[in-house]
Structures are given as C-alpha cells and as structure tokens.
C-alpha atoms as a PDB file:
ATOM      1  CA  MET A   1     -61.113  -7.226  47.100  1.00  0.00           C
ATOM      2  CA  ARG A   2     -61.734  -3.549  47.624  1.00  0.00           C
ATOM      3  CA  THR A   3     -58.916  -1.154  46.991  1.00  0.00           C
ATOM      4  CA  THR A   4     -58.623   1.645  49.488  1.00  0.00           C
ATOM      5  CA  ILE A   5     -55.801   4.125  49.297  1.00  0.00           C
ATOM      6  CA  LEU A   6     -54.967   6.944  51.673  1.00  0.00           C
ATOM      7  CA  THR A   7     -53.554   9.941  49.850  1.00  0.00           C
ATOM      8  CA  ILE A   8     -51.259  11.537  52.378  1.00  0.00           C
ATOM      9  CA  LEU A   9     -50.741  15.249  51.915  1.00  0.00           C
ATOM     10  CA  GLY A  10     -47.888  17.239  53.364  1.00  0.00           C
ATOM     11  CA  ALA A  11     -47.771  21.011  53.324  1.00  0.00           C
ATOM     12  CA  LEU A  12     -44.319  22.370  52.622  1.00  0.00           C
ATOM     13  CA  SER A  13     -43.471  25.940  53.465  1.00  0.00           C
ATOM     14  CA  LEU A  14     -41.243  26.993  50.614  1.00  0.00           C
ATOM     15  CA  SER A  15     -39.201  29.317  52.772  1.00  0.00           C
ATOM     16  CA  ALA A  16     -39.935  27.997  56.262  1.00  0.00           C
ATOM     17  CA  ALA A  17     -36.283  27.235  56.980  1.00  0.00           C
ATOM     18  CA  GLY A  18     -35.318  30.883  56.538  1.00  0.00           C
ATOM     19  CA  THR A  19     -38.454  32.426  58.041  1.00  0.00           C
ATOM     20  CA  PRO A  20     -38.224  33.974  61.518  1.00  0.00           C
ATOM     21  CA  ALA A  21     -40.365  32.309  64.208  1.00  0.00           C
ATOM     22  CA  GLY A  22     -43.949  33.563  64.062  1.00  0.00           C
ATOM     23  CA  ALA A  23     -43.594  35.016  60.553  1.00  0.00           C
ATOM     24  CA  GLN A  24     -45.655  33.728  57.657  1.00  0.00           C
ATOM     25  CA  PRO A  25     -43.675  31.813  55.035  1.00  0.00           C
ATOM     26  CA  THR A  26     -43.774  33.307  51.557  1.00  0.00           C
ATOM     27  CA  GLY A  27     -45.307  30.229  49.942  1.00  0.00           C
ATOM     28  CA  VAL A  28     -46.743  26.828  50.654  1.00  0.00           C
ATOM     29  CA  THR A  29     -46.893  23.864  48.342  1.00  0.00           C
ATOM     30  CA  THR A  30     -48.560  20.506  48.833  1.00  0.00           C
ATOM     31  CA  VAL A  31     -46.855  17.203  48.173  1.00  0.00           C
ATOM     32  CA  LYS A  32     -48.630  13.864  48.233  1.00  0.00           C
ATOM     33  CA  THR A  33     -48.120  10.147  48.265  1.00  0.00           C
ATOM     34  CA  SER A  34     -50.419   7.148  48.557  1.00  0.00           C
ATOM     35  CA  VAL A  35     -50.693   4.271  51.005  1.00  0.00           C
ATOM     36  CA  GLN A  36     -52.675   1.186  50.021  1.00  0.00           C
ATOM     37  CA  ILE A  37     -54.858  -0.211  52.799  1.00  0.00           C
ATOM     38  CA  GLY A  38     -57.346  -2.363  50.900  1.00  0.00           C
ATOM     39  CA  ASP A  39     -55.433  -5.532  51.746  1.00  0.00           C
ATOM     40  CA  LEU A  40     -55.573  -4.881  55.496  1.00  0.00           C
ATOM     41  CA  ASP A  41     -58.153  -5.977  58.062  1.00  0.00           C
ATOM     42  CA  LEU A  42     -58.255  -2.911  60.285  1.00  0.00           C
ATOM     43  CA  SER A  43     -59.836  -4.904  63.119  1.00  0.00           C
ATOM     44  CA  ASN A  44     -56.661  -7.016  63.295  1.00  0.00           C
ATOM     45  CA  PRO A  45     -53.889  -5.571  65.516  1.00  0.00           C
ATOM     46  CA  ALA A  46     -51.161  -7.004  63.258  1.00  0.00           C
ATOM     47  CA  ASP A  47     -52.681  -5.278  60.230  1.00  0.00           C
ATOM     48  CA  LEU A  48     -52.985  -2.018  62.184  1.00  0.00           C
ATOM     49  CA  ALA A  49     -49.260  -2.285  62.890  1.00  0.00           C
ATOM     50  CA  ARG A  50     -48.650  -2.826  59.137  1.00  0.00           C
ATOM     51  CA  LEU A  51     -50.745   0.264  58.395  1.00  0.00           C
ATOM     52  CA  GLU A  52     -48.790   2.341  60.898  1.00  0.00           C
ATOM     53  CA  SER A  53     -45.542   1.150  59.326  1.00  0.00           C
ATOM     54  CA  ARG A  54     -46.779   2.038  55.825  1.00  0.00           C
ATOM     55  CA  VAL A  55     -47.901   5.502  56.922  1.00  0.00           C
ATOM     56  CA  ASN A  56     -44.612   6.139  58.734  1.00  0.00           C
ATOM     57  CA  ARG A  57     -42.617   5.043  55.676  1.00  0.00           C
ATOM     58  CA  ALA A  58     -44.742   7.254  53.406  1.00  0.00           C
ATOM     59  CA  VAL A  59     -44.330  10.266  55.713  1.00  0.00           C
ATOM     60  CA  ARG A  60     -40.541   9.764  55.891  1.00  0.00           C
ATOM     61  CA  THR A  61     -40.369   9.541  52.098  1.00  0.00           C
ATOM     62  CA  LEU A  62     -42.652  12.525  51.554  1.00  0.00           C
ATOM     63  CA  CYS A  63     -41.067  14.776  54.170  1.00  0.00           C
ATOM     64  CA  GLY A  64     -37.504  13.499  54.118  1.00  0.00           C
ATOM     65  CA  PRO A  65     -34.159  14.860  52.975  1.00  0.00           C
ATOM     66  CA  ARG A  66     -35.554  16.605  49.900  1.00  0.00           C
ATOM     67  CA  VAL A  67     -37.333  19.034  52.257  1.00  0.00           C
ATOM     68  CA  ASP A  68     -34.964  21.829  53.284  1.00  0.00           C
ATOM     69  CA  GLY A  69     -34.745  22.660  56.974  1.00  0.00           C
ATOM     70  CA  GLU A  70     -35.777  20.828  60.113  1.00  0.00           C
ATOM     71  CA  ARG A  71     -38.714  23.163  60.732  1.00  0.00           C
ATOM     72  CA  ALA A  72     -40.105  22.536  57.246  1.00  0.00           C
ATOM     73  CA  ARG A  73     -39.654  18.754  57.651  1.00  0.00           C
ATOM     74  CA  ARG A  74     -41.440  18.820  61.030  1.00  0.00           C
ATOM     75  CA  GLU A  75     -44.344  20.851  59.619  1.00  0.00           C
ATOM     76  CA  CYS A  76     -44.566  18.528  56.620  1.00  0.00           C
ATOM     77  CA  ARG A  77     -44.616  15.435  58.876  1.00  0.00           C
ATOM     78  CA  GLU A  78     -47.299  16.944  61.118  1.00  0.00           C
ATOM     79  CA  SER A  79     -49.420  17.877  58.119  1.00  0.00           C
ATOM     80  CA  ALA A  80     -48.976  14.447  56.518  1.00  0.00           C
ATOM     81  CA  ARG A  81     -49.860  12.563  59.714  1.00  0.00           C
ATOM     82  CA  ARG A  82     -52.929  14.761  60.223  1.00  0.00           C
ATOM     83  CA  SER A  83     -53.996  14.039  56.643  1.00  0.00           C
ATOM     84  CA  ALA A  84     -53.563  10.289  57.125  1.00  0.00           C
ATOM     85  CA  THR A  85     -55.418  10.318  60.457  1.00  0.00           C
ATOM     86  CA  GLU A  86     -58.383  12.239  59.040  1.00  0.00           C
ATOM     87  CA  GLN A  87     -58.669   9.944  56.035  1.00  0.00           C
ATOM     88  CA  LEU A  88     -58.341   6.803  58.122  1.00  0.00           C
ATOM     89  CA  ALA A  89     -61.094   8.037  60.447  1.00  0.00           C
ATOM     90  CA  ALA A  90     -63.354   8.508  57.413  1.00  0.00           C
ATOM     91  CA  VAL A  91     -62.523   5.009  56.116  1.00  0.00           C
ATOM     92  CA  LEU A  92     -63.272   3.478  59.531  1.00  0.00           C
ATOM     93  CA  ASP A  93     -66.559   5.398  59.802  1.00  0.00           C
ATOM     94  CA  GLU A  94     -67.564   4.151  56.355  1.00  0.00           C
ATOM     95  CA  GLU A  95     -66.638   0.573  57.265  1.00  0.00           C
ATOM     96  CA  GLN A  96     -68.583   0.774  60.510  1.00  0.00           C
ATOM     97  CA  SER A  97     -71.624   2.089  58.615  1.00  0.00           C
ATOM     98  CA  ARG A  98     -71.409  -0.857  56.209  1.00  0.00           C
ATOM     99  CA  VAL A  99     -71.235  -3.351  59.065  1.00  0.00           C
ATOM    100  CA  LEU A 100     -74.196  -1.740  60.815  1.00  0.00           C
ATOM    101  CA  ALA A 101     -76.223  -1.803  57.587  1.00  0.00           C
ATOM    102  CA  VAL A 102     -75.508  -5.517  57.111  1.00  0.00           C
ATOM    103  CA  LEU A 103     -76.459  -6.244  60.737  1.00  0.00           C
ATOM    104  CA  SER A 104     -79.653  -4.285  60.295  1.00  0.00           C
ATOM    105  CA  GLU A 105     -80.554  -6.311  57.185  1.00  0.00           C
ATOM    106  CA  VAL A 106     -79.831  -9.577  58.986  1.00  0.00           C
ATOM    107  CA  ARG A 107     -82.028  -8.569  61.907  1.00  0.00           C
ATOM    108  CA  SER A 108     -84.881  -7.493  59.611  1.00  0.00           C
ATOM    109  CA  SER A 109     -84.828 -10.789  57.751  1.00  0.00           C
ATOM    110  CA  ASP A 110     -85.338 -12.759  61.013  1.00  0.00           C
END
C-alpha cells in the first residue's frame, strides 16, 4: 500500500488580530499538520467524503482556538485549505498519469 500524506500549511499572521484593515501584519509564521490519504480510493465518493472530513478536522485543529483573533483564524483556514487543495490536485494529476501510463502499456502489448 502506498502512503500518501498531505502536509497542510497554514499561514498565521502574528499580529493580524491587532492590525488595522489593509495594513501589513508585523510577522507571519507557518504551522503545519499532516493528513494521510494513502488508504483512500479517491475515485470512490465515500472515500472523498472521508478525505474532506480529515482535511476539515486538520484545518480546525491547525487553525483553532490557539490562534488569536477571528481574522487570523480565517486567514489560517483559507491558507490551509488552499495548501490542501493544491497538494491534492498534484496527487490526482500524478495518479492520472500513472493510470494513463498503464493503459498505454496495455494497448502497446496488444
């Protein structure tokens, strides 16, 4: 079984809660967590629902109460979801390439 893990990154503005709208925060740090997806069949709707649940749980944990301020939590969640979406797209592209390569080999052997 292959082991595939999404490393979800969330950008935290260190002073976003106290920063006026439109102003740059004084510092940004990155927090991360992992979501295992190697046990899922991403062509199966039930497994896609499991993946969504895992990502949502990871985002809530990563960008939850320990993040000060609603604005900072929202930015962290947006950043984390974007990170997960980009990585998942890359995983799906890689999987599709593998399937196409296997199909190509099967066709050539006929």
